[in-house]
C-alpha cells in the first residue's frame, strides 16, 4: 500500500491545525472568552471528518481497496 506525499502532508497539516486550535481554545477558555472557545472547538470538529476523508482516499489507493 503506497502513500502519496501529498496525502501524508495533508494529514500532517490537519494534525498541526488540530493542535493549534486546541491550544487556542484552552487559552481563550482561561481568559473567559467563551465565544472564541466555541469557534476554535467548532473548527476542530470540522477538521476531523476532513481528515477521515483524506485517510480513506489514501488507504484506497492502489489495488487493495477495503470496504
Protein backbone atom coordinates (compact mmCIF):
# COMPACT_ATOMS: atom_id res chain seq x y z
CA UNK A 1 0.00 0.00 0.00
CA UNK A 2 1.73 3.11 -1.20
CA UNK A 3 1.02 6.52 0.28
CA UNK A 4 1.36 9.71 -1.70
CA UNK A 5 3.43 12.52 -0.28
CA UNK A 6 0.51 14.91 -0.76
CA UNK A 7 -1.81 12.77 1.38
CA UNK A 8 0.73 12.46 4.18
CA UNK A 9 1.40 16.19 4.03
CA UNK A 10 -2.34 16.97 4.14
CA UNK A 11 -2.88 14.72 7.17
CA UNK A 12 0.14 16.26 8.89
CA UNK A 13 -1.22 19.74 8.25
CA UNK A 14 -4.61 18.77 9.66
CA UNK A 15 -2.92 17.34 12.76
CA UNK A 16 -0.98 20.58 13.19
CA UNK A 17 -4.17 22.63 12.85
CA UNK A 18 -5.92 20.40 15.41
CA UNK A 19 -3.11 21.03 17.88
CA UNK A 20 -3.16 24.78 17.23
CA UNK A 21 -6.96 25.09 17.53
CA UNK A 22 -6.98 23.04 20.73
CA UNK A 23 -4.27 25.22 22.26
CA UNK A 24 -6.13 28.38 21.22
CA UNK A 25 -9.39 27.06 22.69
CA UNK A 26 -7.71 26.30 26.02
CA UNK A 27 -6.06 29.73 26.05
CA UNK A 28 -9.33 31.52 25.32
CA UNK A 29 -11.15 29.45 27.94
CA UNK A 30 -8.58 30.51 30.51
CA UNK A 31 -9.31 34.16 29.65
CA UNK A 32 -13.09 33.51 29.76
CA UNK A 33 -13.71 34.30 26.09
CA UNK A 34 -16.27 31.58 25.56
CA UNK A 35 -17.37 32.71 22.09
CA UNK A 36 -13.86 32.22 20.77
CA UNK A 37 -13.68 28.84 22.53
CA UNK A 38 -16.76 27.69 20.64
CA UNK A 39 -15.30 28.86 17.34
CA UNK A 40 -11.99 27.04 17.84
CA UNK A 41 -13.72 23.91 19.10
CA UNK A 42 -16.03 24.01 16.08
CA UNK A 43 -13.07 24.31 13.72
CA UNK A 44 -11.52 21.33 15.46
CA UNK A 45 -14.70 19.30 14.94
CA UNK A 46 -14.88 20.30 11.26
CA UNK A 47 -11.30 19.15 10.63
CA UNK A 48 -11.95 15.60 11.86
CA UNK A 49 -14.25 14.44 9.01
CA UNK A 50 -11.88 16.07 6.53
CA UNK A 51 -9.00 14.02 7.93
CA UNK A 52 -11.09 10.84 7.73
CA UNK A 53 -11.92 11.53 4.07
CA UNK A 54 -8.27 12.10 3.19
CA UNK A 55 -7.26 8.97 5.08
CA UNK A 56 -9.84 6.81 3.29
CA UNK A 57 -8.81 8.22 -0.08
CA UNK A 58 -5.16 7.41 0.64
CA UNK A 59 -5.98 3.98 2.04
CA UNK A 60 -7.99 3.00 -1.03
CA UNK A 61 -5.27 3.99 -3.48
CA UNK A 62 -3.69 1.04 -5.18
CA UNK A 63 -5.06 -2.43 -5.87
CA UNK A 64 -6.18 -3.49 -2.38
CA UNK A 65 -9.24 -1.37 -1.65
CA UNK A 66 -11.06 -2.32 1.56
CA UNK A 67 -14.73 -1.78 2.09
